[in-house]
Amino acid sequence: MTSKVTWPEAIKPLLKKYKNTKHPLEYKNIYQLIVMVILSARDSDKNINRVAPDLFKAFPDMKALSGATRETLFPLISKVRNFANKANWLIEMSQKIKTDKNIPLTLDDLVELPGIGRKSACVILRESGKPAEGVIVDLHVVRVAPRLGIASGTDPKKIEKLIMETLPRKQWDAGMAMSFHGREICRPKPMCEICLMRPVCAYYQTVLKIRLPKKPSSK
């Protein structure tokens, strides 16, 4: 981590830029959100958005999904990565919850459901308008957080812990903000020239800035 940076202050521009920005999954209610979050593990949001309409036409709510079988689900989600396991998770989850009104909205209860880890639970809580109980750390945050210097390493759990220790709870949406930033600006090949985090970014300050050609002397 970059100790010289006061992160609760430095992260504010990023939080402001992405405040209230909806997750890329195109859900219409909490039932659709939880199903799509389970399906999106190790797959792209774009692919899940393509698959979802037919799935929800066949299974419009949790009660309907609780009556699904592998045979009825497979044709609808066969283009999703790891679809066989995800079908099992959806069936088990829906049979446990039974109806939309029973969908739990606390981190501890969500992670007890099949196919839902901490990151997925944090996404569901955020999109449901609930207070953050953790920090979203997806593959974009694993790239962005160490570049910025707010966390280090490649372990999502350790990165989440470091961010939670560095920022007050009210700023824990920084995880989703960094995810959006990673999708748009801090991509594998970062667009540092248009990045609003350059003044505090460890990667820019210690790597890229050194490579930039020095301005010619005015003498």
C-alpha atoms as a PDB file:
ATOM      1  CA  MET A   1       0.000   0.000   0.000  1.00  0.00           C
ATOM      2  CA  THR A   2       1.052   3.613  -0.590  1.00  0.00           C
ATOM      3  CA  SER A   3       1.390   5.007   2.928  1.00  0.00           C
ATOM      4  CA  LYS A   4       1.844   8.640   1.848  1.00  0.00           C
ATOM      5  CA  VAL A   5      -1.660   8.873   0.410  1.00  0.00           C
ATOM      6  CA  THR A   6      -4.617   9.781   2.628  1.00  0.00           C
ATOM      7  CA  TRP A   7      -7.022   7.415   0.931  1.00  0.00           C
ATOM      8  CA  PRO A   8     -10.328   8.518   2.500  1.00  0.00           C
ATOM      9  CA  GLU A   9      -9.691  11.887   0.841  1.00  0.00           C
ATOM     10  CA  ALA A  10      -7.925  10.634  -2.303  1.00  0.00           C
ATOM     11  CA  ILE A  11     -10.693   8.172  -3.233  1.00  0.00           C
ATOM     12  CA  LYS A  12     -13.436  10.828  -3.223  1.00  0.00           C
ATOM     13  CA  PRO A  13     -13.182  11.756  -6.949  1.00  0.00           C
ATOM     14  CA  LEU A  14     -13.639   8.119  -7.947  1.00  0.00           C
ATOM     15  CA  LEU A  15     -16.590   7.650  -5.585  1.00  0.00           C
ATOM     16  CA  LYS A  16     -18.183  10.842  -6.900  1.00  0.00           C
ATOM     17  CA  LYS A  17     -17.752   9.811 -10.544  1.00  0.00           C
ATOM     18  CA  TYR A  18     -19.473   6.455 -10.109  1.00  0.00           C
ATOM     19  CA  LYS A  19     -21.958   7.262  -7.356  1.00  0.00           C
ATOM     20  CA  ASN A  20     -25.331   5.605  -8.038  1.00  0.00           C
ATOM     21  CA  THR A  21     -24.021   3.968 -11.234  1.00  0.00           C
ATOM     22  CA  LYS A  22     -25.991   0.772 -11.789  1.00  0.00           C
ATOM     23  CA  HIS A  23     -24.205  -2.540 -12.172  1.00  0.00           C
ATOM     24  CA  PRO A  24     -23.835  -3.678 -15.822  1.00  0.00           C
ATOM     25  CA  LEU A  25     -26.118  -6.669 -15.238  1.00  0.00           C
ATOM     26  CA  GLU A  26     -29.492  -5.707 -16.717  1.00  0.00           C
ATOM     27  CA  TYR A  27     -31.825  -6.927 -13.987  1.00  0.00           C
ATOM     28  CA  LYS A  28     -35.328  -5.622 -13.243  1.00  0.00           C
ATOM     29  CA  ASN A  29     -35.792  -6.803  -9.652  1.00  0.00           C
ATOM     30  CA  ILE A  30     -33.950  -8.481  -6.789  1.00  0.00           C
ATOM     31  CA  TYR A  31     -34.931 -11.973  -7.947  1.00  0.00           C
ATOM     32  CA  GLN A  32     -33.418 -11.356 -11.371  1.00  0.00           C
ATOM     33  CA  LEU A  33     -30.354  -9.774  -9.770  1.00  0.00           C
ATOM     34  CA  ILE A  34     -29.544 -12.744  -7.542  1.00  0.00           C
ATOM     35  CA  VAL A  35     -30.011 -15.218 -10.407  1.00  0.00           C
ATOM     36  CA  MET A  36     -27.848 -13.175 -12.775  1.00  0.00           C
ATOM     37  CA  VAL A  37     -25.130 -12.686 -10.180  1.00  0.00           C
ATOM     38  CA  ILE A  38     -24.917 -16.461  -9.712  1.00  0.00           C
ATOM     39  CA  LEU A  39     -24.764 -17.002 -13.477  1.00  0.00           C
ATOM     40  CA  SER A  40     -22.128 -14.286 -13.986  1.00  0.00           C
ATOM     41  CA  ALA A  41     -19.398 -15.999 -11.956  1.00  0.00           C
ATOM     42  CA  ARG A  42     -16.383 -16.414 -14.275  1.00  0.00           C
ATOM     43  CA  ASP A  43     -18.487 -15.224 -17.204  1.00  0.00           C
ATOM     44  CA  SER A  44     -19.134 -11.820 -18.754  1.00  0.00           C
ATOM     45  CA  ASP A  45     -22.014  -9.533 -17.814  1.00  0.00           C
ATOM     46  CA  LYS A  46     -22.745  -9.118 -21.539  1.00  0.00           C
ATOM     47  CA  ASN A  47     -23.239 -12.834 -21.993  1.00  0.00           C
ATOM     48  CA  ILE A  48     -25.547 -13.086 -18.968  1.00  0.00           C
ATOM     49  CA  ASN A  49     -27.573 -10.124 -20.250  1.00  0.00           C
ATOM     50  CA  ARG A  50     -28.078 -12.014 -23.527  1.00  0.00           C
ATOM     51  CA  VAL A  51     -29.181 -15.215 -21.808  1.00  0.00           C
ATOM     52  CA  ALA A  52     -31.408 -13.678 -19.126  1.00  0.00           C
ATOM     53  CA  PRO A  53     -34.555 -12.638 -21.067  1.00  0.00           C
ATOM     54  CA  ASP A  54     -35.443 -16.178 -22.168  1.00  0.00           C
ATOM     55  CA  LEU A  55     -34.577 -17.554 -18.740  1.00  0.00           C
ATOM     56  CA  PHE A  56     -36.861 -15.101 -16.947  1.00  0.00           C
ATOM     57  CA  LYS A  57     -39.630 -15.617 -19.483  1.00  0.00           C
ATOM     58  CA  ALA A  58     -39.626 -19.289 -18.503  1.00  0.00           C
ATOM     59  CA  PHE A  59     -39.013 -18.685 -14.788  1.00  0.00           C
ATOM     60  CA  PRO A  60     -40.342 -15.213 -13.884  1.00  0.00           C
ATOM     61  CA  ASP A  61     -39.899 -15.461 -10.124  1.00  0.00           C
ATOM     62  CA  MET A  62     -38.363 -17.528  -7.326  1.00  0.00           C
ATOM     63  CA  LYS A  63     -41.465 -19.681  -6.955  1.00  0.00           C
ATOM     64  CA  ALA A  64     -41.338 -20.656 -10.618  1.00  0.00           C
ATOM     65  CA  LEU A  65     -37.588 -21.306 -10.458  1.00  0.00           C
ATOM     66  CA  SER A  66     -38.061 -23.584  -7.437  1.00  0.00           C
ATOM     67  CA  GLY A  67     -39.898 -25.966  -9.760  1.00  0.00           C
ATOM     68  CA  ALA A  68     -37.094 -26.053 -12.324  1.00  0.00           C
ATOM     69  CA  THR A  69     -35.012 -29.126 -13.107  1.00  0.00           C
ATOM     70  CA  ARG A  70     -31.639 -29.566 -14.758  1.00  0.00           C
ATOM     71  CA  GLU A  71     -33.469 -30.660 -17.900  1.00  0.00           C
ATOM     72  CA  THR A  72     -35.566 -27.477 -18.038  1.00  0.00           C
ATOM     73  CA  LEU A  73     -32.698 -25.148 -17.117  1.00  0.00           C
ATOM     74  CA  PHE A  74     -29.905 -26.553 -19.294  1.00  0.00           C
ATOM     75  CA  PRO A  75     -31.309 -25.381 -22.660  1.00  0.00           C
ATOM     76  CA  LEU A  76     -31.745 -21.865 -21.287  1.00  0.00           C
ATOM     77  CA  ILE A  77     -28.282 -21.432 -19.741  1.00  0.00           C
ATOM     78  CA  SER A  78     -26.133 -23.775 -21.854  1.00  0.00           C
ATOM     79  CA  LYS A  79     -24.178 -20.805 -23.234  1.00  0.00           C
ATOM     80  CA  VAL A  80     -23.130 -19.783 -19.707  1.00  0.00           C
ATOM     81  CA  ARG A  81     -19.747 -20.929 -18.473  1.00  0.00           C
ATOM     82  CA  ASN A  82     -19.997 -23.782 -15.924  1.00  0.00           C
ATOM     83  CA  PHE A  83     -23.746 -23.955 -16.596  1.00  0.00           C
ATOM     84  CA  ALA A  84     -24.235 -27.441 -15.117  1.00  0.00           C
ATOM     85  CA  ASN A  85     -23.014 -26.438 -11.664  1.00  0.00           C
ATOM     86  CA  LYS A  86     -24.858 -23.134 -11.880  1.00  0.00           C
ATOM     87  CA  ALA A  87     -28.093 -24.950 -12.693  1.00  0.00           C
ATOM     88  CA  ASN A  88     -27.638 -27.004  -9.526  1.00  0.00           C
ATOM     89  CA  TRP A  89     -26.980 -23.834  -7.506  1.00  0.00           C
ATOM     90  CA  LEU A  90     -30.067 -22.087  -8.881  1.00  0.00           C
ATOM     91  CA  ILE A  91     -32.308 -25.067  -8.150  1.00  0.00           C
ATOM     92  CA  GLU A  92     -30.956 -25.509  -4.628  1.00  0.00           C
ATOM     93  CA  MET A  93     -31.102 -21.768  -3.920  1.00  0.00           C
ATOM     94  CA  SER A  94     -34.667 -21.342  -5.192  1.00  0.00           C
ATOM     95  CA  GLN A  95     -35.953 -24.381  -3.322  1.00  0.00           C
ATOM     96  CA  LYS A  96     -34.439 -22.984  -0.154  1.00  0.00           C
ATOM     97  CA  ILE A  97     -35.822 -19.448  -0.584  1.00  0.00           C
ATOM     98  CA  LYS A  98     -39.130 -20.489  -2.217  1.00  0.00           C
ATOM     99  CA  THR A  99     -40.544 -16.976  -2.899  1.00  0.00           C
ATOM    100  CA  ASP A 100     -39.178 -13.552  -3.808  1.00  0.00           C
ATOM    101  CA  LYS A 101     -40.156 -12.077  -0.444  1.00  0.00           C
ATOM    102  CA  ASN A 102     -37.836 -14.530   1.313  1.00  0.00           C
ATOM    103  CA  ILE A 103     -34.684 -13.388  -0.512  1.00  0.00           C
ATOM    104  CA  PRO A 104     -32.204 -12.531   2.273  1.00  0.00           C
ATOM    105  CA  LEU A 105     -30.429  -9.187   2.184  1.00  0.00           C
ATOM    106  CA  THR A 106     -27.596  -9.509   4.671  1.00  0.00           C
ATOM    107  CA  LEU A 107     -24.087 -10.615   3.799  1.00  0.00           C
ATOM    108  CA  ASP A 108     -24.078 -13.536   6.266  1.00  0.00           C
ATOM    109  CA  ASP A 109     -27.348 -14.945   4.915  1.00  0.00           C
ATOM    110  CA  LEU A 110     -26.435 -14.435   1.274  1.00  0.00           C
ATOM    111  CA  VAL A 111     -23.099 -16.264   1.483  1.00  0.00           C
ATOM    112  CA  GLU A 112     -24.937 -19.261   2.916  1.00  0.00           C
ATOM    113  CA  LEU A 113     -26.695 -19.684  -0.428  1.00  0.00           C
ATOM    114  CA  PRO A 114     -25.131 -21.905  -3.126  1.00  0.00           C
ATOM    115  CA  GLY A 115     -23.138 -20.038  -5.754  1.00  0.00           C
ATOM    116  CA  ILE A 116     -22.816 -16.831  -3.742  1.00  0.00           C
ATOM    117  CA  GLY A 117     -19.507 -15.701  -2.249  1.00  0.00           C
ATOM    118  CA  ARG A 118     -18.574 -12.434  -0.574  1.00  0.00           C
ATOM    119  CA  LYS A 119     -18.170 -10.497  -3.822  1.00  0.00           C
ATOM    120  CA  SER A 120     -21.530 -11.638  -5.153  1.00  0.00           C
ATOM    121  CA  ALA A 121     -23.207 -10.878  -1.827  1.00  0.00           C
ATOM    122  CA  CYS A 122     -21.696  -7.385  -1.786  1.00  0.00           C
ATOM    123  CA  VAL A 123     -23.000  -6.752  -5.314  1.00  0.00           C
ATOM    124  CA  ILE A 124     -26.502  -7.861  -4.319  1.00  0.00           C
ATOM    125  CA  LEU A 125     -26.478  -5.634  -1.225  1.00  0.00           C
ATOM    126  CA  ARG A 126     -25.240  -2.636  -3.205  1.00  0.00           C
ATOM    127  CA  GLU A 127     -27.791  -3.005  -5.965  1.00  0.00           C
ATOM    128  CA  SER A 128     -30.542  -3.518  -3.373  1.00  0.00           C
ATOM    129  CA  GLY A 129     -29.671  -0.195  -1.750  1.00  0.00           C
ATOM    130  CA  LYS A 130     -28.505  -1.824   1.482  1.00  0.00           C
ATOM    131  CA  PRO A 131     -25.553  -0.508   3.527  1.00  0.00           C
ATOM    132  CA  ALA A 132     -22.222  -2.049   2.545  1.00  0.00           C
ATOM    133  CA  GLU A 133     -21.055  -4.939   4.715  1.00  0.00           C
ATOM    134  CA  GLY A 134     -17.921  -5.539   2.686  1.00  0.00           C
ATOM    135  CA  VAL A 135     -16.059  -4.333  -0.400  1.00  0.00           C
ATOM    136  CA  ILE A 136     -16.682  -5.649  -3.907  1.00  0.00           C
ATOM    137  CA  VAL A 137     -13.421  -7.116  -5.227  1.00  0.00           C
ATOM    138  CA  ASP A 138     -13.758  -8.508  -8.745  1.00  0.00           C
ATOM    139  CA  LEU A 139     -11.065  -9.108 -11.372  1.00  0.00           C
ATOM    140  CA  HIS A 140     -11.018  -5.382 -12.215  1.00  0.00           C
ATOM    141  CA  VAL A 141     -10.432  -4.386  -8.584  1.00  0.00           C
ATOM    142  CA  VAL A 142      -7.674  -7.003  -8.291  1.00  0.00           C
ATOM    143  CA  ARG A 143      -5.936  -5.085 -11.096  1.00  0.00           C
ATOM    144  CA  VAL A 144      -6.833  -1.522 -10.109  1.00  0.00           C
ATOM    145  CA  ALA A 145      -6.351  -1.514  -6.327  1.00  0.00           C
ATOM    146  CA  PRO A 146      -2.660  -2.552  -6.388  1.00  0.00           C
ATOM    147  CA  ARG A 147      -1.977  -0.147  -9.259  1.00  0.00           C
ATOM    148  CA  LEU A 148      -3.432   2.714  -7.270  1.00  0.00           C
ATOM    149  CA  GLY A 149      -1.601   1.588  -4.149  1.00  0.00           C
ATOM    150  CA  ILE A 150      -4.645   1.335  -1.886  1.00  0.00           C
ATOM    151  CA  ALA A 151      -4.015  -2.415  -1.542  1.00  0.00           C
ATOM    152  CA  SER A 152      -1.415  -4.964  -2.592  1.00  0.00           C
ATOM    153  CA  GLY A 153      -1.226  -8.540  -3.816  1.00  0.00           C
ATOM    154  CA  THR A 154      -3.621 -10.582  -5.940  1.00  0.00           C
ATOM    155  CA  ASP A 155      -5.766 -12.327  -3.307  1.00  0.00           C
ATOM    156  CA  PRO A 156      -9.298 -10.833  -3.406  1.00  0.00           C
ATOM    157  CA  LYS A 157      -9.892 -11.558   0.296  1.00  0.00           C
ATOM    158  CA  LYS A 158      -6.678  -9.810   1.331  1.00  0.00           C
ATOM    159  CA  ILE A 159      -7.380  -6.878  -0.992  1.00  0.00           C
ATOM    160  CA  GLU A 160     -10.872  -6.515   0.479  1.00  0.00           C
ATOM    161  CA  LYS A 161      -9.476  -6.611   4.018  1.00  0.00           C
ATOM    162  CA  LEU A 162      -6.883  -3.926   3.228  1.00  0.00           C
ATOM    163  CA  ILE A 163      -9.477  -1.627   1.639  1.00  0.00           C
ATOM    164  CA  MET A 164     -11.856  -2.115   4.569  1.00  0.00           C
ATOM    165  CA  GLU A 165      -9.046  -1.214   6.966  1.00  0.00           C
ATOM    166  CA  THR A 166      -8.054   1.825   4.904  1.00  0.00           C
ATOM    167  CA  LEU A 167     -11.454   3.389   4.199  1.00  0.00           C
ATOM    168  CA  PRO A 168     -14.386   4.133   6.514  1.00  0.00           C
ATOM    169  CA  ARG A 169     -17.477   1.976   5.996  1.00  0.00           C
ATOM    170  CA  LYS A 170     -19.317   4.823   4.279  1.00  0.00           C
ATOM    171  CA  GLN A 171     -16.726   4.662   1.483  1.00  0.00           C
ATOM    172  CA  TRP A 172     -16.791   0.919   0.925  1.00  0.00           C
ATOM    173  CA  ASP A 173     -18.531   1.428  -2.413  1.00  0.00           C
ATOM    174  CA  ALA A 174     -14.997   2.234  -3.571  1.00  0.00           C
ATOM    175  CA  GLY A 175     -14.804  -1.413  -4.634  1.00  0.00           C
ATOM    176  CA  MET A 176     -17.541  -0.995  -7.237  1.00  0.00           C
ATOM    177  CA  ALA A 177     -16.100   2.391  -8.220  1.00  0.00           C
ATOM    178  CA  MET A 178     -12.722   0.762  -8.867  1.00  0.00           C
ATOM    179  CA  SER A 179     -14.464  -1.977 -10.843  1.00  0.00           C
ATOM    180  CA  PHE A 180     -16.118   0.597 -13.129  1.00  0.00           C
ATOM    181  CA  HIS A 181     -12.781   2.424 -13.369  1.00  0.00           C
ATOM    182  CA  GLY A 182     -11.086  -0.819 -14.367  1.00  0.00           C
ATOM    183  CA  ARG A 183     -13.646  -1.474 -17.078  1.00  0.00           C
ATOM    184  CA  GLU A 184     -13.422   2.013 -18.572  1.00  0.00           C
ATOM    185  CA  ILE A 185      -9.987   3.541 -17.862  1.00  0.00           C
ATOM    186  CA  CYS A 186      -7.606   1.342 -15.867  1.00  0.00           C
ATOM    187  CA  ARG A 187      -7.822  -1.530 -18.308  1.00  0.00           C
ATOM    188  CA  PRO A 188      -5.033  -4.113 -18.745  1.00  0.00           C
ATOM    189  CA  LYS A 189      -3.460  -1.429 -20.937  1.00  0.00           C
ATOM    190  CA  PRO A 190      -4.364   1.628 -18.823  1.00  0.00           C
ATOM    191  CA  MET A 191      -5.397   4.971 -20.281  1.00  0.00           C
ATOM    192  CA  CYS A 192      -3.384   6.997 -17.773  1.00  0.00           C
ATOM    193  CA  GLU A 193      -3.523  10.156 -19.892  1.00  0.00           C
ATOM    194  CA  ILE A 194      -7.234  10.592 -19.076  1.00  0.00           C
ATOM    195  CA  CYS A 195      -7.265   9.088 -15.561  1.00  0.00           C
ATOM    196  CA  LEU A 196      -8.534  11.287 -12.728  1.00  0.00           C
ATOM    197  CA  MET A 197      -6.555   9.219 -10.185  1.00  0.00           C
ATOM    198  CA  ARG A 198      -3.124  10.034 -11.640  1.00  0.00           C
ATOM    199  CA  PRO A 199      -2.126  12.403  -8.810  1.00  0.00           C
ATOM    200  CA  VAL A 200      -2.274   9.573  -6.246  1.00  0.00           C
ATOM    201  CA  CYS A 201      -1.709   6.482  -8.406  1.00  0.00           C
ATOM    202  CA  ALA A 202       1.379   4.495  -7.411  1.00  0.00           C
ATOM    203  CA  TYR A 203       1.600   2.817 -10.825  1.00  0.00           C
ATOM    204  CA  TYR A 204       1.597   6.134 -12.652  1.00  0.00           C
ATOM    205  CA  GLN A 205       3.965   7.834 -10.232  1.00  0.00           C
ATOM    206  CA  THR A 206       6.526   5.030  -9.999  1.00  0.00           C
ATOM    207  CA  VAL A 207       6.307   3.298 -13.387  1.00  0.00           C
ATOM    208  CA  LEU A 208       4.790   5.353 -16.170  1.00  0.00           C
ATOM    209  CA  LYS A 209       5.983   8.773 -15.085  1.00  0.00           C
ATOM    210  CA  ILE A 210       9.563   7.552 -15.153  1.00  0.00           C
ATOM    211  CA  ARG A 211       9.130   6.344 -18.742  1.00  0.00           C
ATOM    212  CA  LEU A 212       7.678   9.601 -20.032  1.00  0.00           C
ATOM    213  CA  PRO A 213      10.115  11.809 -21.968  1.00  0.00           C
ATOM    214  CA  LYS A 214      11.330  14.745 -19.946  1.00  0.00           C
ATOM    215  CA  LYS A 215      10.300  18.198 -21.073  1.00  0.00           C
ATOM    216  CA  PRO A 216      13.162  20.090 -22.730  1.00  0.00           C
ATOM    217  CA  SER A 217      14.882  22.670 -20.588  1.00  0.00           C
ATOM    218  CA  SER A 218      13.718  26.251 -21.069  1.00  0.00           C
ATOM    219  CA  LYS A 219      17.319  27.447 -21.023  1.00  0.00           C
END
